[in-house]
Amino acid sequence: EKETLEAFKWALKQNQNQIAIITCRQSIASFKSNLNTFKAAYILKS
């Protein structure tokens, strides 16, 4: 949910690209990341 929220915030600021946010219908884990801005990739467990 944290990545999804940050993805939506990032997508709403885009004016050069169309954005497709692909989610799933099954239950998923919630990760305790310190993500506070959208990133293309980041370390979740180091």
All heavy atoms as atom14 arrays in JSON, in Angstrom:
{
  "sequence": "EKETLEAFKWALKQNQNQIAIITCRQSIASFKSNLNTFKAAYILKS",
  "atom14_mask": [
    [1, 1, 1, 1, 1, 1, 1, 1, 1, 0, 0, 0, 0, 0],
    [1, 1, 1, 1, 1, 1, 1, 1, 1, 0, 0, 0, 0, 0],
    [1, 1, 1, 1, 1, 1, 1, 1, 1, 0, 0, 0, 0, 0],
    [1, 1, 1, 1, 1, 1, 1, 0, 0, 0, 0, 0, 0, 0],
    [1, 1, 1, 1, 1, 1, 1, 1, 0, 0, 0, 0, 0, 0],
    [1, 1, 1, 1, 1, 1, 1, 1, 1, 0, 0, 0, 0, 0],
    [1, 1, 1, 1, 1, 0, 0, 0, 0, 0, 0, 0, 0, 0],
    [1, 1, 1, 1, 1, 1, 1, 1, 1, 1, 1, 0, 0, 0],
    [1, 1, 1, 1, 1, 1, 1, 1, 1, 0, 0, 0, 0, 0],
    [1, 1, 1, 1, 1, 1, 1, 1, 1, 1, 1, 1, 1, 1],
    [1, 1, 1, 1, 1, 0, 0, 0, 0, 0, 0, 0, 0, 0],
    [1, 1, 1, 1, 1, 1, 1, 1, 0, 0, 0, 0, 0, 0],
    [1, 1, 1, 1, 1, 1, 1, 1, 1, 0, 0, 0, 0, 0],
    [1, 1, 1, 1, 1, 1, 1, 1, 1, 0, 0, 0, 0, 0],
    [1, 1, 1, 1, 1, 1, 1, 1, 0, 0, 0, 0, 0, 0],
    [1, 1, 1, 1, 1, 1, 1, 1, 1, 0, 0, 0, 0, 0],
    [1, 1, 1, 1, 1, 1, 1, 1, 0, 0, 0, 0, 0, 0],
    [1, 1, 1, 1, 1, 1, 1, 1, 1, 0, 0, 0, 0, 0],
    [1, 1, 1, 1, 1, 1, 1, 1, 0, 0, 0, 0, 0, 0],
    [1, 1, 1, 1, 1, 0, 0, 0, 0, 0, 0, 0, 0, 0],
    [1, 1, 1, 1, 1, 1, 1, 1, 0, 0, 0, 0, 0, 0],
    [1, 1, 1, 1, 1, 1, 1, 1, 0, 0, 0, 0, 0, 0],
    [1, 1, 1, 1, 1, 1, 1, 0, 0, 0, 0, 0, 0, 0],
    [1, 1, 1, 1, 1, 1, 0, 0, 0, 0, 0, 0, 0, 0],
    [1, 1, 1, 1, 1, 1, 1, 1, 1, 1, 1, 0, 0, 0],
    [1, 1, 1, 1, 1, 1, 1, 1, 1, 0, 0, 0, 0, 0],
    [1, 1, 1, 1, 1, 1, 0, 0, 0, 0, 0, 0, 0, 0],
    [1, 1, 1, 1, 1, 1, 1, 1, 0, 0, 0, 0, 0, 0],
    [1, 1, 1, 1, 1, 0, 0, 0, 0, 0, 0, 0, 0, 0],
    [1, 1, 1, 1, 1, 1, 0, 0, 0, 0, 0, 0, 0, 0],
    [1, 1, 1, 1, 1, 1, 1, 1, 1, 1, 1, 0, 0, 0],
    [1, 1, 1, 1, 1, 1, 1, 1, 1, 0, 0, 0, 0, 0],
    [1, 1, 1, 1, 1, 1, 0, 0, 0, 0, 0, 0, 0, 0],
    [1, 1, 1, 1, 1, 1, 1, 1, 0, 0, 0, 0, 0, 0],
    [1, 1, 1, 1, 1, 1, 1, 1, 0, 0, 0, 0, 0, 0],
    [1, 1, 1, 1, 1, 1, 1, 1, 0, 0, 0, 0, 0, 0],
    [1, 1, 1, 1, 1, 1, 1, 0, 0, 0, 0, 0, 0, 0],
    [1, 1, 1, 1, 1, 1, 1, 1, 1, 1, 1, 0, 0, 0],
    [1, 1, 1, 1, 1, 1, 1, 1, 1, 0, 0, 0, 0, 0],
    [1, 1, 1, 1, 1, 0, 0, 0, 0, 0, 0, 0, 0, 0],
    [1, 1, 1, 1, 1, 0, 0, 0, 0, 0, 0, 0, 0, 0],
    [1, 1, 1, 1, 1, 1, 1, 1, 1, 1, 1, 1, 0, 0],
    [1, 1, 1, 1, 1, 1, 1, 1, 0, 0, 0, 0, 0, 0],
    [1, 1, 1, 1, 1, 1, 1, 1, 0, 0, 0, 0, 0, 0],
    [1, 1, 1, 1, 1, 1, 1, 1, 1, 0, 0, 0, 0, 0],
    [1, 1, 1, 1, 1, 1, 0, 0, 0, 0, 0, 0, 0, 0]
  ],
  "atom14_positions": [
    [[0.81, -1.22, 0.0], [0.0, 0.0, 0.0], [0.85, 1.27, 0.0], [0.47, 2.28, -0.6], [-0.98, 0.0, 1.18], [-0.38, 0.26, 2.55], [0.35, -0.93, 3.17], [0.31, -2.03, 2.61], [0.97, -0.73, 4.22], [0.0, 0.0, 0.0], [0.0, 0.0, 0.0], [0.0, 0.0, 0.0], [0.0, 0.0, 0.0], [0.0, 0.0, 0.0]],
    [[2.01, 1.24, 0.63], [2.88, 2.43, 0.67], [3.43, 2.73, -0.73], [3.41, 3.87, -1.18], [4.02, 2.22, 1.66], [4.78, 3.5, 1.95], [5.84, 3.27, 2.99], [5.26, 3.61, 4.34], [6.28, 3.66, 5.4], [0.0, 0.0, 0.0], [0.0, 0.0, 0.0], [0.0, 0.0, 0.0], [0.0, 0.0, 0.0], [0.0, 0.0, 0.0]],
    [[3.89, 1.71, -1.42], [4.37, 1.9, -2.79], [3.24, 2.35, -3.7], [3.45, 3.17, -4.59], [4.97, 0.6, -3.34], [6.45, 0.53, -3.23], [7.05, -0.67, -3.96], [6.5, -1.13, -5.0], [8.08, -1.16, -3.5], [0.0, 0.0, 0.0], [0.0, 0.0, 0.0], [0.0, 0.0, 0.0], [0.0, 0.0, 0.0], [0.0, 0.0, 0.0]],
    [[2.06, 1.81, -3.5], [0.91, 2.18, -4.32], [0.56, 3.65, -4.14], [0.35, 4.38, -5.11], [-0.32, 1.3, -4.0], [0.04, -0.07, -4.17], [-1.5, 1.63, -4.88], [0.0, 0.0, 0.0], [0.0, 0.0, 0.0], [0.0, 0.0, 0.0], [0.0, 0.0, 0.0], [0.0, 0.0, 0.0], [0.0, 0.0, 0.0], [0.0, 0.0, 0.0]],
    [[0.54, 4.1, -2.88], [0.25, 5.5, -2.59], [1.29, 6.42, -3.24], [0.94, 7.4, -3.9], [0.21, 5.74, -1.08], [0.03, 7.19, -0.64], [-1.31, 7.73, -1.12], [0.16, 7.3, 0.88], [0.0, 0.0, 0.0], [0.0, 0.0, 0.0], [0.0, 0.0, 0.0], [0.0, 0.0, 0.0], [0.0, 0.0, 0.0], [0.0, 0.0, 0.0]],
    [[2.57, 6.09, -3.08], [3.62, 6.91, -3.67], [3.57, 6.88, -5.2], [3.85, 7.88, -5.85], [5.0, 6.49, -3.15], [5.2, 6.75, -1.66], [4.95, 8.18, -1.24], [5.25, 9.12, -2.01], [4.44, 8.37, -0.11], [0.0, 0.0, 0.0], [0.0, 0.0, 0.0], [0.0, 0.0, 0.0], [0.0, 0.0, 0.0], [0.0, 0.0, 0.0]],
    [[3.2, 5.73, -5.76], [3.06, 5.63, -7.22], [1.95, 6.55, -7.72], [2.12, 7.23, -8.74], [2.79, 4.19, -7.63], [0.0, 0.0, 0.0], [0.0, 0.0, 0.0], [0.0, 0.0, 0.0], [0.0, 0.0, 0.0], [0.0, 0.0, 0.0], [0.0, 0.0, 0.0], [0.0, 0.0, 0.0], [0.0, 0.0, 0.0], [0.0, 0.0, 0.0]],
    [[0.82, 6.57, -7.02], [-0.28, 7.46, -7.42], [0.13, 8.92, -7.32], [-0.16, 9.72, -8.21], [-1.54, 7.19, -6.58], [-2.44, 6.15, -7.19], [-2.42, 4.85, -6.73], [-3.29, 6.47, -8.24], [-3.23, 3.88, -7.29], [-4.11, 5.51, -8.81], [-4.07, 4.22, -8.34], [0.0, 0.0, 0.0], [0.0, 0.0, 0.0], [0.0, 0.0, 0.0]],
    [[0.81, 9.29, -6.23], [1.26, 10.68, -6.09], [2.19, 11.06, -7.25], [2.06, 12.14, -7.82], [2.01, 10.87, -4.77], [1.14, 10.84, -3.54], [2.06, 11.06, -2.33], [1.4, 10.81, -1.02], [2.35, 10.92, 0.11], [0.0, 0.0, 0.0], [0.0, 0.0, 0.0], [0.0, 0.0, 0.0], [0.0, 0.0, 0.0], [0.0, 0.0, 0.0]],
    [[3.11, 10.16, -7.58], [4.06, 10.41, -8.67], [3.33, 10.5, -10.0], [3.59, 11.39, -10.8], [5.11, 9.3, -8.67], [6.18, 9.45, -9.7], [7.29, 10.26, -9.63], [6.25, 8.81, -10.98], [8.04, 10.14, -10.77], [7.42, 9.25, -11.62], [5.43, 7.88, -11.63], [7.8, 8.81, -12.87], [5.82, 7.44, -12.89], [6.99, 7.91, -13.5]],
    [[2.4, 9.57, -10.22], [1.67, 9.52, -11.49], [0.87, 10.8, -11.73], [0.8, 11.29, -12.86], [0.73, 8.31, -11.5], [0.0, 0.0, 0.0], [0.0, 0.0, 0.0], [0.0, 0.0, 0.0], [0.0, 0.0, 0.0], [0.0, 0.0, 0.0], [0.0, 0.0, 0.0], [0.0, 0.0, 0.0], [0.0, 0.0, 0.0], [0.0, 0.0, 0.0]],
    [[0.28, 11.34, -10.68], [-0.52, 12.55, -10.84], [0.31, 13.78, -11.22], [-0.23, 14.75, -11.74], [-1.31, 12.82, -9.55], [-2.42, 11.81, -9.26], [-3.0, 12.03, -7.87], [-3.51, 11.87, -10.32], [0.0, 0.0, 0.0], [0.0, 0.0, 0.0], [0.0, 0.0, 0.0], [0.0, 0.0, 0.0], [0.0, 0.0, 0.0], [0.0, 0.0, 0.0]],
    [[1.61, 13.71, -11.01], [2.5, 14.82, -11.36], [3.08, 14.68, -12.77], [3.76, 15.59, -13.25], [3.64, 14.91, -10.35], [3.19, 15.27, -8.96], [4.38, 15.24, -8.01], [3.89, 15.4, -6.58], [5.0, 15.18, -5.63], [0.0, 0.0, 0.0], [0.0, 0.0, 0.0], [0.0, 0.0, 0.0], [0.0, 0.0, 0.0], [0.0, 0.0, 0.0]],
    [[2.85, 13.56, -13.41], [3.45, 13.3, -14.72], [2.62, 13.97, -15.82], [1.41, 13.9, -15.82], [3.54, 11.79, -14.99], [4.36, 11.05, -13.98], [5.73, 11.64, -13.79], [6.5, 11.76, -14.74], [6.05, 12.03, -12.57], [0.0, 0.0, 0.0], [0.0, 0.0, 0.0], [0.0, 0.0, 0.0], [0.0, 0.0, 0.0], [0.0, 0.0, 0.0]],
    [[3.32, 14.6, -16.76], [2.61, 15.17, -17.9], [3.25, 14.75, -19.22], [2.81, 15.18, -20.28], [2.5, 16.7, -17.79], [3.86, 17.35, -17.68], [4.89, 16.72, -17.9], [3.86, 18.63, -17.33], [0.0, 0.0, 0.0], [0.0, 0.0, 0.0], [0.0, 0.0, 0.0], [0.0, 0.0, 0.0], [0.0, 0.0, 0.0], [0.0, 0.0, 0.0]],
    [[4.28, 13.92, -19.16], [4.93, 13.43, -20.38], [4.52, 12.0, -20.74], [4.64, 11.61, -21.88], [6.46, 13.46, -20.2], [7.01, 14.85, -20.0], [6.82, 15.72, -21.23], [7.01, 15.27, -22.35], [6.45, 16.97, -21.03], [0.0, 0.0, 0.0], [0.0, 0.0, 0.0], [0.0, 0.0, 0.0], [0.0, 0.0, 0.0], [0.0, 0.0, 0.0]],
    [[4.1, 11.24, -19.74], [3.82, 9.82, -19.96], [2.44, 9.43, -19.45], [1.92, 10.05, -18.53], [4.84, 8.96, -19.21], [6.24, 9.17, -19.72], [6.54, 8.88, -20.86], [7.11, 9.7, -18.87], [0.0, 0.0, 0.0], [0.0, 0.0, 0.0], [0.0, 0.0, 0.0], [0.0, 0.0, 0.0], [0.0, 0.0, 0.0], [0.0, 0.0, 0.0]],
    [[1.9, 8.39, -20.09], [0.72, 7.74, -19.54], [1.23, 6.77, -18.46], [2.29, 6.18, -18.61], [-0.02, 6.95, -20.62], [-0.53, 7.81, -21.75], [-1.56, 8.81, -21.28], [-2.47, 8.47, -20.53], [-1.42, 10.05, -21.68], [0.0, 0.0, 0.0], [0.0, 0.0, 0.0], [0.0, 0.0, 0.0], [0.0, 0.0, 0.0], [0.0, 0.0, 0.0]],
    [[0.48, 6.6, -17.4], [0.92, 5.75, -16.3], [-0.09, 4.62, -16.1], [-1.29, 4.86, -16.03], [1.03, 6.54, -14.97], [1.85, 7.83, -15.15], [1.58, 5.65, -13.86], [3.3, 7.62, -15.53], [0.0, 0.0, 0.0], [0.0, 0.0, 0.0], [0.0, 0.0, 0.0], [0.0, 0.0, 0.0], [0.0, 0.0, 0.0], [0.0, 0.0, 0.0]],
    [[0.42, 3.4, -16.04], [-0.41, 2.23, -15.72], [0.1, 1.69, -14.39], [1.27, 1.32, -14.26], [-0.28, 1.17, -16.79], [0.0, 0.0, 0.0], [0.0, 0.0, 0.0], [0.0, 0.0, 0.0], [0.0, 0.0, 0.0], [0.0, 0.0, 0.0], [0.0, 0.0, 0.0], [0.0, 0.0, 0.0], [0.0, 0.0, 0.0], [0.0, 0.0, 0.0]],
    [[-0.77, 1.69, -13.38], [-0.4, 1.13, -12.08], [-1.06, -0.23, -11.98], [-2.29, -0.34, -11.99], [-0.81, 2.06, -10.92], [-0.09, 3.41, -11.07], [-0.51, 1.4, -9.57], [-0.47, 4.44, -10.04], [0.0, 0.0, 0.0], [0.0, 0.0, 0.0], [0.0, 0.0, 0.0], [0.0, 0.0, 0.0], [0.0, 0.0, 0.0], [0.0, 0.0, 0.0]],
    [[-0.24, -1.27, -11.93], [-0.72, -2.64, -11.95], [-0.72, -3.18, -10.52], [0.34, -3.34, -9.91], [0.2, -3.54, -12.83], [0.49, -2.88, -14.18], [-0.38, -4.93, -12.96], [-0.71, -2.55, -15.02], [0.0, 0.0, 0.0], [0.0, 0.0, 0.0], [0.0, 0.0, 0.0], [0.0, 0.0, 0.0], [0.0, 0.0, 0.0], [0.0, 0.0, 0.0]],
    [[-1.9, -3.44, -10.01], [-2.01, -3.99, -8.66], [-2.53, -5.42, -8.75], [-2.79, -5.93, -9.84], [-2.95, -3.14, -7.79], [-4.24, -3.1, -8.41], [-2.42, -1.72, -7.64], [0.0, 0.0, 0.0], [0.0, 0.0, 0.0], [0.0, 0.0, 0.0], [0.0, 0.0, 0.0], [0.0, 0.0, 0.0], [0.0, 0.0, 0.0], [0.0, 0.0, 0.0]],
    [[-2.68, -6.06, -7.61], [-3.16, -7.44, -7.62], [-4.39, -7.57, -6.75], [-4.7, -6.7, -5.95], [-2.05, -8.39, -7.15], [-1.52, -8.09, -5.49], [0.0, 0.0, 0.0], [0.0, 0.0, 0.0], [0.0, 0.0, 0.0], [0.0, 0.0, 0.0], [0.0, 0.0, 0.0], [0.0, 0.0, 0.0], [0.0, 0.0, 0.0], [0.0, 0.0, 0.0]],
    [[-5.07, -8.67, -6.89], [-6.3, -8.86, -6.14], [-6.12, -9.73, -4.91], [-7.0, -9.81, -4.08], [-7.38, -9.43, -7.04], [-7.04, -10.79, -7.6], [-8.09, -11.25, -8.57], [-7.71, -12.57, -9.06], [-8.5, -13.35, -9.72], [-9.72, -12.96, -9.96], [-8.09, -14.52, -10.13], [0.0, 0.0, 0.0], [0.0, 0.0, 0.0], [0.0, 0.0, 0.0]],
    [[-4.98, -10.4, -4.8], [-4.76, -11.23, -3.62], [-4.22, -10.4, -2.46], [-3.76, -9.29, -2.66], [-3.82, -12.4, -3.93], [-2.37, -12.02, -4.13], [-1.96, -12.01, -5.59], [-2.77, -11.73, -6.46], [-0.71, -12.29, -5.85], [0.0, 0.0, 0.0], [0.0, 0.0, 0.0], [0.0, 0.0, 0.0], [0.0, 0.0, 0.0], [0.0, 0.0, 0.0]],
    [[-4.27, -10.96, -1.27], [-3.69, -10.29, -0.11], [-2.18, -10.23, -0.29], [-1.57, -11.19, -0.74], [-4.0, -11.08, 1.17], [-5.38, -11.1, 1.39], [0.0, 0.0, 0.0], [0.0, 0.0, 0.0], [0.0, 0.0, 0.0], [0.0, 0.0, 0.0], [0.0, 0.0, 0.0], [0.0, 0.0, 0.0], [0.0, 0.0, 0.0], [0.0, 0.0, 0.0]],
    [[-1.61, -9.11, 0.08], [-0.16, -8.96, -0.03], [0.4, -8.47, 1.29], [-0.31, -7.89, 2.1], [0.25, -8.0, -1.17], [-0.43, -6.64, -1.01], [-0.07, -8.6, -2.53], [0.06, -5.59, -1.97], [0.0, 0.0, 0.0], [0.0, 0.0, 0.0], [0.0, 0.0, 0.0], [0.0, 0.0, 0.0], [0.0, 0.0, 0.0], [0.0, 0.0, 0.0]],
    [[1.68, -8.71, 1.48], [2.35, -8.27, 2.7], [2.5, -6.75, 2.68], [2.51, -6.12, 1.63], [3.72, -8.93, 2.79], [0.0, 0.0, 0.0], [0.0, 0.0, 0.0], [0.0, 0.0, 0.0], [0.0, 0.0, 0.0], [0.0, 0.0, 0.0], [0.0, 0.0, 0.0], [0.0, 0.0, 0.0], [0.0, 0.0, 0.0], [0.0, 0.0, 0.0]],
    [[2.61, -6.2, 3.87], [2.89, -4.78, 4.02], [4.31, -4.68, 4.55], [4.63, -5.26, 5.58], [1.89, -4.17, 5.0], [2.12, -2.8, 5.13], [0.0, 0.0, 0.0], [0.0, 0.0, 0.0], [0.0, 0.0, 0.0], [0.0, 0.0, 0.0], [0.0, 0.0, 0.0], [0.0, 0.0, 0.0], [0.0, 0.0, 0.0], [0.0, 0.0, 0.0]],
    [[5.16, -3.96, 3.86], [6.56, -3.89, 4.24], [6.83, -2.62, 5.03], [6.26, -1.58, 4.75], [7.45, -3.95, 2.99], [7.27, -5.22, 2.24], [6.48, -5.26, 1.1], [7.85, -6.39, 2.68], [6.28, -6.44, 0.41], [7.65, -7.59, 2.0], [6.87, -7.6, 0.86], [0.0, 0.0, 0.0], [0.0, 0.0, 0.0], [0.0, 0.0, 0.0]],
    [[7.69, -2.74, 5.99], [8.04, -1.6, 6.83], [9.21, -0.85, 6.2], [10.34, -0.94, 6.66], [8.37, -2.06, 8.24], [7.19, -2.66, 8.94], [7.53, -3.15, 10.32], [6.26, -3.76, 10.92], [6.47, -4.38, 12.17], [0.0, 0.0, 0.0], [0.0, 0.0, 0.0], [0.0, 0.0, 0.0], [0.0, 0.0, 0.0], [0.0, 0.0, 0.0]],
    [[8.92, -0.16, 5.13], [9.96, 0.61, 4.46], [9.84, 2.07, 4.9], [8.8, 2.5, 5.4], [9.82, 0.5, 2.95], [8.68, 1.19, 2.52], [0.0, 0.0, 0.0], [0.0, 0.0, 0.0], [0.0, 0.0, 0.0], [0.0, 0.0, 0.0], [0.0, 0.0, 0.0], [0.0, 0.0, 0.0], [0.0, 0.0, 0.0], [0.0, 0.0, 0.0]],
    [[10.89, 2.81, 4.69], [10.84, 4.24, 4.99], [10.61, 5.04, 3.7], [11.04, 6.18, 3.59], [12.12, 4.69, 5.7], [13.36, 4.34, 4.91], [13.26, 3.79, 3.81], [14.52, 4.65, 5.45], [0.0, 0.0, 0.0], [0.0, 0.0, 0.0], [0.0, 0.0, 0.0], [0.0, 0.0, 0.0], [0.0, 0.0, 0.0], [0.0, 0.0, 0.0]],
    [[9.91, 4.44, 2.78], [9.61, 5.07, 1.5], [8.7, 6.28, 1.72], [7.63, 6.16, 2.3], [8.92, 4.06, 0.57], [8.66, 4.5, -0.86], [9.98, 4.65, -1.61], [7.77, 3.49, -1.56], [0.0, 0.0, 0.0], [0.0, 0.0, 0.0], [0.0, 0.0, 0.0], [0.0, 0.0, 0.0], [0.0, 0.0, 0.0], [0.0, 0.0, 0.0]],
    [[9.15, 7.44, 1.29], [8.32, 8.63, 1.41], [8.26, 9.42, 0.11], [7.76, 10.52, 0.05], [8.79, 9.53, 2.56], [10.25, 9.9, 2.42], [10.86, 9.64, 1.38], [10.82, 10.48, 3.45], [0.0, 0.0, 0.0], [0.0, 0.0, 0.0], [0.0, 0.0, 0.0], [0.0, 0.0, 0.0], [0.0, 0.0, 0.0], [0.0, 0.0, 0.0]],
    [[8.79, 8.8, -0.93], [8.7, 9.36, -2.28], [8.83, 8.18, -3.25], [9.46, 7.18, -2.92], [9.79, 10.42, -2.53], [9.59, 10.99, -3.81], [11.18, 9.84, -2.45], [0.0, 0.0, 0.0], [0.0, 0.0, 0.0], [0.0, 0.0, 0.0], [0.0, 0.0, 0.0], [0.0, 0.0, 0.0], [0.0, 0.0, 0.0], [0.0, 0.0, 0.0]],
    [[8.25, 8.32, -4.42], [8.28, 7.22, -5.37], [9.69, 7.02, -5.93], [10.37, 7.98, -6.27], [7.3, 7.46, -6.52], [7.29, 6.33, -7.5], [6.66, 5.14, -7.19], [7.92, 6.45, -8.72], [6.66, 4.08, -8.08], [7.93, 5.4, -9.62], [7.3, 4.22, -9.3], [0.0, 0.0, 0.0], [0.0, 0.0, 0.0], [0.0, 0.0, 0.0]],
    [[10.1, 5.76, -6.03], [11.39, 5.4, -6.62], [11.19, 4.25, -7.58], [10.37, 3.37, -7.33], [12.37, 4.99, -5.53], [12.7, 6.11, -4.57], [13.65, 5.66, -3.49], [13.91, 6.81, -2.55], [14.79, 6.43, -1.46], [0.0, 0.0, 0.0], [0.0, 0.0, 0.0], [0.0, 0.0, 0.0], [0.0, 0.0, 0.0], [0.0, 0.0, 0.0]],
    [[11.94, 4.23, -8.65], [11.85, 3.15, -9.63], [12.27, 1.82, -9.01], [11.72, 0.78, -9.32], [12.73, 3.45, -10.84], [0.0, 0.0, 0.0], [0.0, 0.0, 0.0], [0.0, 0.0, 0.0], [0.0, 0.0, 0.0], [0.0, 0.0, 0.0], [0.0, 0.0, 0.0], [0.0, 0.0, 0.0], [0.0, 0.0, 0.0], [0.0, 0.0, 0.0]],
    [[13.25, 1.88, -8.1], [13.73, 0.69, -7.4], [14.44, 1.16, -6.14], [15.04, 2.23, -6.12], [14.69, -0.09, -8.28], [0.0, 0.0, 0.0], [0.0, 0.0, 0.0], [0.0, 0.0, 0.0], [0.0, 0.0, 0.0], [0.0, 0.0, 0.0], [0.0, 0.0, 0.0], [0.0, 0.0, 0.0], [0.0, 0.0, 0.0], [0.0, 0.0, 0.0]],
    [[14.34, 0.35, -5.09], [15.0, 0.7, -3.84], [15.2, -0.56, -3.0], [14.52, -1.57, -3.19], [14.2, 1.76, -3.06], [12.85, 1.28, -2.61], [12.65, 0.83, -1.3], [11.77, 1.25, -3.48], [11.4, 0.38, -0.89], [10.54, 0.81, -3.08], [10.35, 0.37, -1.79], [9.13, -0.09, -1.39], [0.0, 0.0, 0.0], [0.0, 0.0, 0.0]],
    [[16.13, -0.49, -2.08], [16.46, -1.63, -1.23], [15.43, -1.73, -0.1], [15.26, -0.79, 0.67], [17.89, -1.5, -0.65], [18.9, -1.48, -1.79], [18.17, -2.65, 0.32], [20.32, -1.15, -1.36], [0.0, 0.0, 0.0], [0.0, 0.0, 0.0], [0.0, 0.0, 0.0], [0.0, 0.0, 0.0], [0.0, 0.0, 0.0], [0.0, 0.0, 0.0]],
    [[14.76, -2.87, -0.04], [13.8, -3.13, 1.03], [14.47, -3.86, 2.2], [14.12, -3.64, 3.36], [12.66, -4.01, 0.52], [11.39, -3.31, 0.1], [10.39, -4.3, -0.43], [10.78, -2.5, 1.21], [0.0, 0.0, 0.0], [0.0, 0.0, 0.0], [0.0, 0.0, 0.0], [0.0, 0.0, 0.0], [0.0, 0.0, 0.0], [0.0, 0.0, 0.0]],
    [[15.37, -4.76, 1.89], [16.1, -5.5, 2.94], [17.57, -5.46, 2.55], [17.95, -5.9, 1.48], [15.62, -6.94, 3.02], [16.4, -7.78, 4.01], [16.03, -9.26, 3.88], [17.07, -10.1, 4.56], [17.77, -10.98, 3.66], [0.0, 0.0, 0.0], [0.0, 0.0, 0.0], [0.0, 0.0, 0.0], [0.0, 0.0, 0.0], [0.0, 0.0, 0.0]],
    [[18.37, -4.91, 3.46], [19.79, -4.82, 3.14], [20.62, -5.65, 4.1], [20.2, -5.95, 5.22], [20.25, -3.36, 3.17], [20.1, -2.84, 4.48], [0.0, 0.0, 0.0], [0.0, 0.0, 0.0], [0.0, 0.0, 0.0], [0.0, 0.0, 0.0], [0.0, 0.0, 0.0], [0.0, 0.0, 0.0], [0.0, 0.0, 0.0], [0.0, 0.0, 0.0]]
  ]
}
